[in-house]
C-alpha atoms as a PDB file:
ATOM      1  CA  UNK A   1       8.661  16.309 -35.670  1.00  0.00           C
ATOM      2  CA  UNK A   2       4.969  15.512 -36.005  1.00  0.00           C
ATOM      3  CA  UNK A   3       3.279  18.647 -34.655  1.00  0.00           C
ATOM      4  CA  UNK A   4      -0.053  16.986 -33.955  1.00  0.00           C
ATOM      5  CA  UNK A   5      -2.221  18.070 -31.062  1.00  0.00           C
ATOM      6  CA  UNK A   6      -5.442  16.778 -29.516  1.00  0.00           C
ATOM      7  CA  UNK A   7      -7.828  19.466 -28.240  1.00  0.00           C
ATOM      8  CA  UNK A   8     -10.419  18.477 -25.633  1.00  0.00           C
ATOM      9  CA  UNK A   9     -13.363  20.687 -24.637  1.00  0.00           C
ATOM     10  CA  UNK A  10     -17.098  20.253 -24.219  1.00  0.00           C
ATOM     11  CA  UNK A  11     -17.812  23.638 -25.836  1.00  0.00           C
ATOM     12  CA  UNK A  12     -17.856  23.393 -29.669  1.00  0.00           C
ATOM     13  CA  UNK A  13     -17.231  27.133 -30.092  1.00  0.00           C
ATOM     14  CA  UNK A  14     -14.010  26.892 -28.070  1.00  0.00           C
ATOM     15  CA  UNK A  15     -12.851  23.904 -30.096  1.00  0.00           C
ATOM     16  CA  UNK A  16     -13.525  25.717 -33.365  1.00  0.00           C
ATOM     17  CA  UNK A  17     -11.600  28.793 -32.241  1.00  0.00           C
ATOM     18  CA  UNK A  18      -8.621  26.776 -31.045  1.00  0.00           C
ATOM     19  CA  UNK A  19      -8.617  24.631 -34.167  1.00  0.00           C
ATOM     20  CA  UNK A  20      -8.376  27.743 -36.362  1.00  0.00           C
ATOM     21  CA  UNK A  21      -5.481  29.119 -34.311  1.00  0.00           C
ATOM     22  CA  UNK A  22      -3.408  25.931 -34.369  1.00  0.00           C
ATOM     23  CA  UNK A  23      -4.254  25.085 -37.977  1.00  0.00           C
ATOM     24  CA  UNK A  24      -2.975  28.496 -39.123  1.00  0.00           C
ATOM     25  CA  UNK A  25       0.216  27.897 -37.119  1.00  0.00           C
ATOM     26  CA  UNK A  26       0.901  24.641 -38.979  1.00  0.00           C
ATOM     27  CA  UNK A  27      -0.333  22.104 -36.452  1.00  0.00           C
ATOM     28  CA  UNK A  28      -2.191  18.920 -37.299  1.00  0.00           C
ATOM     29  CA  UNK A  29      -5.294  19.309 -35.130  1.00  0.00           C
ATOM     30  CA  UNK A  30      -7.723  16.683 -33.831  1.00  0.00           C
ATOM     31  CA  UNK A  31     -10.654  17.647 -31.613  1.00  0.00           C
ATOM     32  CA  UNK A  32     -12.597  15.732 -28.961  1.00  0.00           C
ATOM     33  CA  UNK A  33     -15.899  16.918 -27.508  1.00  0.00           C
ATOM     34  CA  UNK A  34     -15.116  15.649 -24.031  1.00  0.00           C
ATOM     35  CA  UNK A  35     -12.961  13.201 -22.042  1.00  0.00           C
ATOM     36  CA  UNK A  36     -14.706  10.041 -23.236  1.00  0.00           C
ATOM     37  CA  UNK A  37     -14.218  10.911 -26.907  1.00  0.00           C
ATOM     38  CA  UNK A  38     -10.598  11.853 -26.241  1.00  0.00           C
ATOM     39  CA  UNK A  39      -9.856   8.438 -24.719  1.00  0.00           C
ATOM     40  CA  UNK A  40     -11.484   6.692 -27.692  1.00  0.00           C
ATOM     41  CA  UNK A  41      -9.378   8.711 -30.135  1.00  0.00           C
ATOM     42  CA  UNK A  42      -6.201   7.921 -28.198  1.00  0.00           C
ATOM     43  CA  UNK A  43      -6.822   4.196 -28.546  1.00  0.00           C
ATOM     44  CA  UNK A  44      -6.060   4.485 -32.281  1.00  0.00           C
ATOM     45  CA  UNK A  45      -3.886   7.600 -32.552  1.00  0.00           C
ATOM     46  CA  UNK A  46      -0.929   8.944 -30.593  1.00  0.00           C
ATOM     47  CA  UNK A  47      -0.341  12.642 -29.877  1.00  0.00           C
ATOM     48  CA  UNK A  48       2.689  14.428 -28.456  1.00  0.00           C
ATOM     49  CA  UNK A  49       0.409  17.063 -26.884  1.00  0.00           C
ATOM     50  CA  UNK A  50      -3.101  17.009 -25.398  1.00  0.00           C
ATOM     51  CA  UNK A  51      -4.614  20.392 -24.524  1.00  0.00           C
ATOM     52  CA  UNK A  52      -7.719  20.026 -22.382  1.00  0.00           C
ATOM     53  CA  UNK A  53     -10.333  22.178 -20.690  1.00  0.00           C
ATOM     54  CA  UNK A  54     -10.714  21.529 -16.962  1.00  0.00           C
ATOM     55  CA  UNK A  55     -14.433  21.699 -16.187  1.00  0.00           C
ATOM     56  CA  UNK A  56     -16.238  19.095 -18.266  1.00  0.00           C
ATOM     57  CA  UNK A  57     -19.148  16.703 -17.562  1.00  0.00           C
ATOM     58  CA  UNK A  58     -18.369  13.354 -15.881  1.00  0.00           C
ATOM     59  CA  UNK A  59     -14.613  13.877 -15.700  1.00  0.00           C
ATOM     60  CA  UNK A  60     -12.367  16.891 -15.149  1.00  0.00           C
ATOM     61  CA  UNK A  61      -9.467  17.712 -17.414  1.00  0.00           C
ATOM     62  CA  UNK A  62      -7.124  16.892 -14.544  1.00  0.00           C
ATOM     63  CA  UNK A  63      -8.618  13.426 -14.162  1.00  0.00           C
ATOM     64  CA  UNK A  64      -8.442  12.937 -17.920  1.00  0.00           C
ATOM     65  CA  UNK A  65      -4.756  13.871 -18.117  1.00  0.00           C
ATOM     66  CA  UNK A  66      -3.886  11.647 -15.154  1.00  0.00           C
ATOM     67  CA  UNK A  67      -5.526   8.722 -16.969  1.00  0.00           C
ATOM     68  CA  UNK A  68      -3.763   9.627 -20.219  1.00  0.00           C
ATOM     69  CA  UNK A  69      -0.405   9.811 -18.415  1.00  0.00           C
ATOM     70  CA  UNK A  70      -0.948   6.323 -16.984  1.00  0.00           C
ATOM     71  CA  UNK A  71      -1.853   4.834 -20.377  1.00  0.00           C
ATOM     72  CA  UNK A  72       0.387   6.921 -22.644  1.00  0.00           C
ATOM     73  CA  UNK A  73       3.367   8.136 -20.570  1.00  0.00           C
ATOM     74  CA  UNK A  74       5.087  10.015 -23.398  1.00  0.00           C
ATOM     75  CA  UNK A  75       2.061  12.260 -24.064  1.00  0.00           C
ATOM     76  CA  UNK A  76       2.355  15.749 -22.608  1.00  0.00           C
ATOM     77  CA  UNK A  77      -0.853  17.139 -21.100  1.00  0.00           C
ATOM     78  CA  UNK A  78      -1.764  20.808 -20.617  1.00  0.00           C
ATOM     79  CA  UNK A  79      -4.842  22.414 -19.057  1.00  0.00           C
ATOM     80  CA  UNK A  80      -6.453  25.489 -20.650  1.00  0.00           C
ATOM     81  CA  UNK A  81      -9.034  26.887 -18.270  1.00  0.00           C
ATOM     82  CA  UNK A  82     -10.074  29.838 -16.097  1.00  0.00           C
ATOM     83  CA  UNK A  83      -7.729  30.889 -13.305  1.00  0.00           C
ATOM     84  CA  UNK A  84     -10.464  30.085 -10.786  1.00  0.00           C
ATOM     85  CA  UNK A  85      -9.759  26.414 -11.537  1.00  0.00           C
ATOM     86  CA  UNK A  86      -6.075  26.636 -10.560  1.00  0.00           C
ATOM     87  CA  UNK A  87      -6.488  25.396  -7.003  1.00  0.00           C
ATOM     88  CA  UNK A  88      -8.367  22.341  -8.311  1.00  0.00           C
ATOM     89  CA  UNK A  89      -5.620  21.657 -10.860  1.00  0.00           C
ATOM     90  CA  UNK A  90      -2.797  21.726  -8.310  1.00  0.00           C
ATOM     91  CA  UNK A  91      -3.135  18.017  -7.456  1.00  0.00           C
ATOM     92  CA  UNK A  92      -2.813  17.080 -11.123  1.00  0.00           C
ATOM     93  CA  UNK A  93       0.139  19.469 -11.517  1.00  0.00           C
ATOM     94  CA  UNK A  94       1.889  17.888  -8.552  1.00  0.00           C
ATOM     95  CA  UNK A  95       1.244  14.399  -9.910  1.00  0.00           C
ATOM     96  CA  UNK A  96       3.187  15.270 -13.066  1.00  0.00           C
ATOM     97  CA  UNK A  97       0.217  14.499 -15.323  1.00  0.00           C
ATOM     98  CA  UNK A  98      -0.268  18.188 -16.162  1.00  0.00           C
ATOM     99  CA  UNK A  99       2.768  19.848 -17.703  1.00  0.00           C
ATOM    100  CA  UNK A 100       1.373  23.384 -17.550  1.00  0.00           C
ATOM    101  CA  UNK A 101      -1.745  25.330 -16.644  1.00  0.00           C
ATOM    102  CA  UNK A 102      -2.735  27.923 -19.293  1.00  0.00           C
ATOM    103  CA  UNK A 103      -5.463  30.415 -18.603  1.00  0.00           C
ATOM    104  CA  UNK A 104      -8.631  31.358 -20.473  1.00  0.00           C
ATOM    105  CA  UNK A 105      -9.229  33.754 -22.052  1.00  0.00           C
ATOM    106  CA  UNK A 106      -6.022  33.243 -23.974  1.00  0.00           C
ATOM    107  CA  UNK A 107      -3.834  35.600 -25.954  1.00  0.00           C
ATOM    108  CA  UNK A 108      -3.077  33.904 -29.290  1.00  0.00           C
ATOM    109  CA  UNK A 109       0.648  34.656 -29.538  1.00  0.00           C
ATOM    110  CA  UNK A 110       1.261  33.624 -25.925  1.00  0.00           C
ATOM    111  CA  UNK A 111      -0.776  30.438 -26.338  1.00  0.00           C
ATOM    112  CA  UNK A 112       1.192  29.446 -29.437  1.00  0.00           C
ATOM    113  CA  UNK A 113       4.462  30.166 -27.658  1.00  0.00           C
ATOM    114  CA  UNK A 114       3.499  27.974 -24.700  1.00  0.00           C
ATOM    115  CA  UNK A 115       2.472  25.095 -26.972  1.00  0.00           C
ATOM    116  CA  UNK A 116       5.657  25.480 -29.017  1.00  0.00           C
ATOM    117  CA  UNK A 117       7.697  25.221 -25.808  1.00  0.00           C
ATOM    118  CA  UNK A 118       5.698  22.150 -24.834  1.00  0.00           C
ATOM    119  CA  UNK A 119       6.572  20.547 -28.174  1.00  0.00           C
ATOM    120  CA  UNK A 120      10.234  21.425 -27.653  1.00  0.00           C
ATOM    121  CA  UNK A 121      10.080  19.776 -24.237  1.00  0.00           C
ATOM    122  CA  UNK A 122       8.335  16.699 -25.659  1.00  0.00           C
ATOM    123  CA  UNK A 123      10.909  16.481 -28.449  1.00  0.00           C
ATOM    124  CA  UNK A 124      13.749  16.723 -25.941  1.00  0.00           C
ATOM    125  CA  UNK A 125      12.254  14.021 -23.725  1.00  0.00           C
ATOM    126  CA  UNK A 126      11.367  11.598 -26.503  1.00  0.00           C
ATOM    127  CA  UNK A 127      13.603  12.239 -29.527  1.00  0.00           C
ATOM    128  CA  UNK A 128      16.880  13.921 -28.597  1.00  0.00           C
ATOM    129  CA  UNK A 129      19.426  11.390 -27.292  1.00  0.00           C
ATOM    130  CA  UNK A 130      21.019  11.966 -23.914  1.00  0.00           C
ATOM    131  CA  UNK A 131      24.605  12.519 -24.937  1.00  0.00           C
ATOM    132  CA  UNK A 132      27.460  11.779 -22.544  1.00  0.00           C
ATOM    133  CA  UNK A 133      25.484  12.245 -19.342  1.00  0.00           C
ATOM    134  CA  UNK A 134      27.659  10.634 -16.674  1.00  0.00           C
ATOM    135  CA  UNK A 135      26.379   9.174 -13.433  1.00  0.00           C
ATOM    136  CA  UNK A 136      27.806   7.784 -10.230  1.00  0.00           C
ATOM    137  CA  UNK A 137      28.246   4.109  -9.414  1.00  0.00           C
ATOM    138  CA  UNK A 138      24.575   3.782  -8.450  1.00  0.00           C
ATOM    139  CA  UNK A 139      23.492   5.253 -11.790  1.00  0.00           C
ATOM    140  CA  UNK A 140      22.294   8.487 -10.176  1.00  0.00           C
ATOM    141  CA  UNK A 141      23.332  11.965 -11.220  1.00  0.00           C
ATOM    142  CA  UNK A 142      24.909  13.474  -8.129  1.00  0.00           C
ATOM    143  CA  UNK A 143      24.423  17.168  -8.902  1.00  0.00           C
ATOM    144  CA  UNK A 144      22.902  19.621 -11.326  1.00  0.00           C
ATOM    145  CA  UNK A 145      26.420  20.759 -12.094  1.00  0.00           C
ATOM    146  CA  UNK A 146      27.378  17.213 -13.082  1.00  0.00           C
ATOM    147  CA  UNK A 147      24.553  17.169 -15.616  1.00  0.00           C
ATOM    148  CA  UNK A 148      25.566  20.479 -17.135  1.00  0.00           C
ATOM    149  CA  UNK A 149      29.232  19.546 -17.312  1.00  0.00           C
ATOM    150  CA  UNK A 150      28.531  16.078 -18.706  1.00  0.00           C
ATOM    151  CA  UNK A 151      26.142  17.206 -21.440  1.00  0.00           C
ATOM    152  CA  UNK A 152      28.161  18.927 -24.107  1.00  0.00           C
ATOM    153  CA  UNK A 153      25.139  20.574 -25.766  1.00  0.00           C
ATOM    154  CA  UNK A 154      22.998  21.138 -22.635  1.00  0.00           C
ATOM    155  CA  UNK A 155      20.248  18.832 -23.902  1.00  0.00           C
ATOM    156  CA  UNK A 156      19.078  16.077 -21.596  1.00  0.00           C
ATOM    157  CA  UNK A 157      15.910  14.772 -20.013  1.00  0.00           C
ATOM    158  CA  UNK A 158      13.963  16.173 -17.091  1.00  0.00           C
ATOM    159  CA  UNK A 159      14.522  12.920 -15.192  1.00  0.00           C
ATOM    160  CA  UNK A 160      18.225  13.609 -14.601  1.00  0.00           C
ATOM    161  CA  UNK A 161      17.462  16.989 -13.050  1.00  0.00           C
ATOM    162  CA  UNK A 162      14.727  15.520 -10.857  1.00  0.00           C
ATOM    163  CA  UNK A 163      17.079  12.781  -9.682  1.00  0.00           C
ATOM    164  CA  UNK A 164      19.698  15.338  -8.686  1.00  0.00           C
ATOM    165  CA  UNK A 165      17.115  17.371  -6.735  1.00  0.00           C
ATOM    166  CA  UNK A 166      15.931  14.194  -4.974  1.00  0.00           C
ATOM    167  CA  UNK A 167      19.568  13.566  -4.058  1.00  0.00           C
ATOM    168  CA  UNK A 168      19.743  17.039  -2.491  1.00  0.00           C
ATOM    169  CA  UNK A 169      16.534  16.341  -0.566  1.00  0.00           C
ATOM    170  CA  UNK A 170      18.111  13.216   0.920  1.00  0.00           C
ATOM    171  CA  UNK A 171      21.302  15.015   1.974  1.00  0.00           C
ATOM    172  CA  UNK A 172      20.332  18.644   2.714  1.00  0.00           C
ATOM    173  CA  UNK A 173      18.209  20.028   5.543  1.00  0.00           C
ATOM    174  CA  UNK A 174      17.072  23.021   3.500  1.00  0.00           C
ATOM    175  CA  UNK A 175      17.740  24.789   0.207  1.00  0.00           C
ATOM    176  CA  UNK A 176      16.065  26.934  -2.445  1.00  0.00           C
ATOM    177  CA  UNK A 177      15.308  26.291  -6.115  1.00  0.00           C
ATOM    178  CA  UNK A 178      15.033  28.990  -8.771  1.00  0.00           C
ATOM    179  CA  UNK A 179      13.219  28.326 -12.043  1.00  0.00           C
ATOM    180  CA  UNK A 180      14.384  30.725 -14.782  1.00  0.00           C
ATOM    181  CA  UNK A 181      12.418  30.751 -18.037  1.00  0.00           C
ATOM    182  CA  UNK A 182      13.607  32.488 -21.216  1.00  0.00           C
ATOM    183  CA  UNK A 183      10.635  34.379 -22.597  1.00  0.00           C
ATOM    184  CA  UNK A 184       9.567  34.100 -26.249  1.00  0.00           C
ATOM    185  CA  UNK A 185      12.273  31.562 -27.061  1.00  0.00           C
ATOM    186  CA  UNK A 186      10.150  30.150 -29.906  1.00  0.00           C
ATOM    187  CA  UNK A 187      10.969  33.335 -31.840  1.00  0.00           C
ATOM    188  CA  UNK A 188      14.658  32.466 -31.707  1.00  0.00           C
ATOM    189  CA  UNK A 189      13.877  28.954 -32.967  1.00  0.00           C
ATOM    190  CA  UNK A 190      11.894  30.490 -35.832  1.00  0.00           C
ATOM    191  CA  UNK A 191      14.457  33.165 -36.714  1.00  0.00           C
ATOM    192  CA  UNK A 192      17.740  31.376 -36.017  1.00  0.00           C
ATOM    193  CA  UNK A 193      16.838  27.716 -36.478  1.00  0.00           C
ATOM    194  CA  UNK A 194      17.321  24.979 -33.895  1.00  0.00           C
ATOM    195  CA  UNK A 195      21.101  24.699 -34.312  1.00  0.00           C
ATOM    196  CA  UNK A 196      21.740  28.412 -33.730  1.00  0.00           C
ATOM    197  CA  UNK A 197      19.176  28.457 -30.928  1.00  0.00           C
ATOM    198  CA  UNK A 198      21.103  25.663 -29.228  1.00  0.00           C
ATOM    199  CA  UNK A 199      24.274  27.750 -29.542  1.00  0.00           C
ATOM    200  CA  UNK A 200      22.398  30.700 -28.048  1.00  0.00           C
ATOM    201  CA  UNK A 201      21.497  28.525 -25.039  1.00  0.00           C
ATOM    202  CA  UNK A 202      25.212  27.764 -24.638  1.00  0.00           C
ATOM    203  CA  UNK A 203      25.922  31.494 -24.675  1.00  0.00           C
ATOM    204  CA  UNK A 204      23.209  32.232 -22.104  1.00  0.00           C
ATOM    205  CA  UNK A 205      24.528  29.380 -19.948  1.00  0.00           C
ATOM    206  CA  UNK A 206      28.019  30.885 -20.024  1.00  0.00           C
ATOM    207  CA  UNK A 207      26.750  34.332 -19.053  1.00  0.00           C
ATOM    208  CA  UNK A 208      24.703  32.932 -16.170  1.00  0.00           C
ATOM    209  CA  UNK A 209      27.614  30.835 -14.934  1.00  0.00           C
ATOM    210  CA  UNK A 210      29.726  33.968 -14.469  1.00  0.00           C
ATOM    211  CA  UNK A 211      27.091  35.410 -12.135  1.00  0.00           C
ATOM    212  CA  UNK A 212      26.818  32.583  -9.598  1.00  0.00           C
ATOM    213  CA  UNK A 213      29.007  31.738  -6.654  1.00  0.00           C
ATOM    214  CA  UNK A 214      30.805  28.407  -6.343  1.00  0.00           C
ATOM    215  CA  UNK A 215      28.204  26.671  -4.158  1.00  0.00           C
ATOM    216  CA  UNK A 216      25.300  27.329  -6.561  1.00  0.00           C
ATOM    217  CA  UNK A 217      24.556  24.614  -9.118  1.00  0.00           C
ATOM    218  CA  UNK A 218      22.373  24.979 -12.187  1.00  0.00           C
ATOM    219  CA  UNK A 219      21.408  23.207 -15.355  1.00  0.00           C
ATOM    220  CA  UNK A 220      18.929  23.225 -18.223  1.00  0.00           C
ATOM    221  CA  UNK A 221      15.532  21.857 -17.210  1.00  0.00           C
ATOM    222  CA  UNK A 222      13.787  21.851 -20.579  1.00  0.00           C
ATOM    223  CA  UNK A 223      13.889  23.621 -23.915  1.00  0.00           C
ATOM    224  CA  UNK A 224      14.138  27.164 -22.527  1.00  0.00           C
ATOM    225  CA  UNK A 225      14.353  27.052 -18.732  1.00  0.00           C
ATOM    226  CA  UNK A 226      17.150  26.664 -16.193  1.00  0.00           C
ATOM    227  CA  UNK A 227      16.918  25.363 -12.621  1.00  0.00           C
ATOM    228  CA  UNK A 228      19.283  26.689  -9.929  1.00  0.00           C
ATOM    229  CA  UNK A 229      20.077  24.936  -6.628  1.00  0.00           C
ATOM    230  CA  UNK A 230      20.953  27.454  -3.924  1.00  0.00           C
ATOM    231  CA  UNK A 231      22.077  26.059  -0.518  1.00  0.00           C
ATOM    232  CA  UNK A 232      20.209  28.638   1.577  1.00  0.00           C
ATOM    233  CA  UNK A 233      16.644  29.495   2.566  1.00  0.00           C
ATOM    234  CA  UNK A 234      15.433  32.403   0.449  1.00  0.00           C
ATOM    235  CA  UNK A 235      13.407  35.287   1.748  1.00  0.00           C
ATOM    236  CA  UNK A 236      11.747  37.610  -0.745  1.00  0.00           C
ATOM    237  CA  UNK A 237      14.639  40.060  -0.303  1.00  0.00           C
ATOM    238  CA  UNK A 238      17.400  37.492  -0.766  1.00  0.00           C
ATOM    239  CA  UNK A 239      15.610  35.943  -3.745  1.00  0.00           C
ATOM    240  CA  UNK A 240      15.330  39.385  -5.297  1.00  0.00           C
ATOM    241  CA  UNK A 241      19.049  40.024  -4.791  1.00  0.00           C
ATOM    242  CA  UNK A 242      20.007  36.623  -6.227  1.00  0.00           C
ATOM    243  CA  UNK A 243      17.875  37.006  -9.349  1.00  0.00           C
ATOM    244  CA  UNK A 244      18.915  40.645  -9.849  1.00  0.00           C
ATOM    245  CA  UNK A 245      22.568  39.618  -9.830  1.00  0.00           C
ATOM    246  CA  UNK A 246      21.859  36.608 -12.030  1.00  0.00           C
ATOM    247  CA  UNK A 247      20.174  38.667 -14.734  1.00  0.00           C
ATOM    248  CA  UNK A 248      22.427  41.721 -14.664  1.00  0.00           C
ATOM    249  CA  UNK A 249      24.206  40.771 -17.948  1.00  0.00           C
ATOM    250  CA  UNK A 250      20.853  40.881 -19.729  1.00  0.00           C
ATOM    251  CA  UNK A 251      19.931  44.464 -18.869  1.00  0.00           C
ATOM    252  CA  UNK A 252      21.570  45.413 -22.146  1.00  0.00           C
ATOM    253  CA  UNK A 253      21.316  43.808 -25.573  1.00  0.00           C
ATOM    254  CA  UNK A 254      23.317  40.586 -25.820  1.00  0.00           C
ATOM    255  CA  UNK A 255      25.648  40.161 -28.780  1.00  0.00           C
ATOM    256  CA  UNK A 256      25.326  36.760 -30.455  1.00  0.00           C
ATOM    257  CA  UNK A 257      26.240  35.609 -33.966  1.00  0.00           C
ATOM    258  CA  UNK A 258      26.909  39.219 -35.054  1.00  0.00           C
ATOM    259  CA  UNK A 259      23.430  40.224 -33.852  1.00  0.00           C
ATOM    260  CA  UNK A 260      22.180  42.176 -30.889  1.00  0.00           C
ATOM    261  CA  UNK A 261      19.458  40.255 -29.062  1.00  0.00           C
ATOM    262  CA  UNK A 262      17.072  41.342 -26.322  1.00  0.00           C
ATOM    263  CA  UNK A 263      16.553  38.520 -23.828  1.00  0.00           C
ATOM    264  CA  UNK A 264      13.797  38.634 -21.196  1.00  0.00           C
ATOM    265  CA  UNK A 265      13.117  36.219 -18.373  1.00  0.00           C
ATOM    266  CA  UNK A 266      10.574  35.111 -15.808  1.00  0.00           C
ATOM    267  CA  UNK A 267      11.692  33.482 -12.565  1.00  0.00           C
ATOM    268  CA  UNK A 268      10.070  31.740  -9.643  1.00  0.00           C
ATOM    269  CA  UNK A 269      11.515  30.188  -6.492  1.00  0.00           C
ATOM    270  CA  UNK A 270      10.586  27.548  -3.955  1.00  0.00           C
ATOM    271  CA  UNK A 271      12.134  26.561  -0.637  1.00  0.00           C
ATOM    272  CA  UNK A 272      12.688  23.046   0.700  1.00  0.00           C
ATOM    273  CA  UNK A 273      11.038  21.801   2.859  1.00  0.00           C
ATOM    274  CA  UNK A 274       8.515  24.637   3.352  1.00  0.00           C
ATOM    275  CA  UNK A 275       7.164  24.657  -0.219  1.00  0.00           C
ATOM    276  CA  UNK A 276       7.396  20.966  -1.055  1.00  0.00           C
ATOM    277  CA  UNK A 277       8.882  17.656   0.002  1.00  0.00           C
ATOM    278  CA  UNK A 278       9.629  16.217  -3.453  1.00  0.00           C
ATOM    279  CA  UNK A 279      11.516  17.415  -6.515  1.00  0.00           C
ATOM    280  CA  UNK A 280       8.271  17.473  -8.502  1.00  0.00           C
ATOM    281  CA  UNK A 281       6.502  19.699  -5.960  1.00  0.00           C
ATOM    282  CA  UNK A 282       9.411  22.136  -5.705  1.00  0.00           C
ATOM    283  CA  UNK A 283       9.908  22.495  -9.457  1.00  0.00           C
ATOM    284  CA  UNK A 284       6.174  22.686 -10.171  1.00  0.00           C
ATOM    285  CA  UNK A 285       5.711  25.409  -7.564  1.00  0.00           C
ATOM    286  CA  UNK A 286       8.471  27.650  -8.901  1.00  0.00           C
ATOM    287  CA  UNK A 287       7.497  26.923 -12.516  1.00  0.00           C
ATOM    288  CA  UNK A 288       3.847  27.732 -11.919  1.00  0.00           C
ATOM    289  CA  UNK A 289       4.810  30.994 -10.202  1.00  0.00           C
ATOM    290  CA  UNK A 290       6.937  32.010 -13.183  1.00  0.00           C
ATOM    291  CA  UNK A 291       4.231  31.068 -15.688  1.00  0.00           C
ATOM    292  CA  UNK A 292       1.499  32.872 -13.729  1.00  0.00           C
ATOM    293  CA  UNK A 293       3.473  36.102 -13.670  1.00  0.00           C
ATOM    294  CA  UNK A 294       4.576  35.804 -17.278  1.00  0.00           C
ATOM    295  CA  UNK A 295       0.969  35.643 -18.405  1.00  0.00           C
ATOM    296  CA  UNK A 296       0.202  38.874 -16.522  1.00  0.00           C
ATOM    297  CA  UNK A 297       3.465  40.813 -16.961  1.00  0.00           C
ATOM    298  CA  UNK A 298       3.743  41.144 -13.183  1.00  0.00           C
ATOM    299  CA  UNK A 299       6.938  42.301 -11.559  1.00  0.00           C
ATOM    300  CA  UNK A 300       6.390  40.482  -8.258  1.00  0.00           C
ATOM    301  CA  UNK A 301       4.274  37.690  -6.826  1.00  0.00           C
ATOM    302  CA  UNK A 302       4.053  37.065  -3.102  1.00  0.00           C
ATOM    303  CA  UNK A 303       2.271  33.730  -3.383  1.00  0.00           C
ATOM    304  CA  UNK A 304       0.167  31.533  -5.622  1.00  0.00           C
ATOM    305  CA  UNK A 305      -0.599  28.956  -2.970  1.00  0.00           C
ATOM    306  CA  UNK A 306       0.059  29.472   0.720  1.00  0.00           C
ATOM    307  CA  UNK A 307       2.870  26.923   0.647  1.00  0.00           C
ATOM    308  CA  UNK A 308       4.482  28.452  -2.463  1.00  0.00           C
ATOM    309  CA  UNK A 309       6.387  31.717  -2.391  1.00  0.00           C
ATOM    310  CA  UNK A 310       7.542  33.210  -5.669  1.00  0.00           C
ATOM    311  CA  UNK A 311       9.245  36.285  -6.932  1.00  0.00           C
ATOM    312  CA  UNK A 312       9.246  37.233 -10.595  1.00  0.00           C
ATOM    313  CA  UNK A 313      11.414  39.733 -12.383  1.00  0.00           C
ATOM    314  CA  UNK A 314      11.046  40.762 -16.002  1.00  0.00           C
ATOM    315  CA  UNK A 315      14.014  42.465 -17.585  1.00  0.00           C
END
């Protein structure tokens, strides 16, 4: 995979620092000193990932990534900015133009991990074939469970999951979604290789499946995160109980491929219809809650936005 990335910021010192970090990590780095230059560069060169500052003259990073998404739909856009900008970024996050919000000042290892996960997601969306994903007569995936059962290696596009959530929205009066992210999964890719890492995902999937009741559906959302559909309205207490039960097998080291592995997770939840009316809003809310807490090593979050309630547990 071509690990090329376009960095956009109006501060040269920030661009230089980021360029050094990504260059040392093996990325092919191109820099743009603002939105206008970024759009000119994109006319002649394609990039899997664009990482942009938010506050820039003439055009915000959110506006830039929305325009990039319209012109170059396969490009994945991320915002790297101060947390004070989060409320302003929410509209872009909800639009789907911004894949993730990363906060300044950054921690190098965490930043590289987030970008590596973004590349894994881009690779899954644009390179990996969707193998044996079955659909109903209308061409729609009817449930998250259908996706998981149909995909023999748990790799498939985000679109199938979103379609299944939209189906639930059209048929259910209320439900909860849980977004469960495997922390530091890039280290397993580095140490085990992609084939073994895929087998590890299978193993994690099997362990999680044993912990859920029959009416809960779940499937892989992207390279290292699962989404769970729970047909009830979560409170903080019930979300805590659900996630505690879900992650109980991972309190101890997990044996895999004759190794003992420590697995840690971050989780966020959202409730339909209180926290969103679309699949994108519900997933983004729970994902953003998980990412926010992961960056700060928080045990619990009561809210990020008034309409979003999230609980995070780190094991």
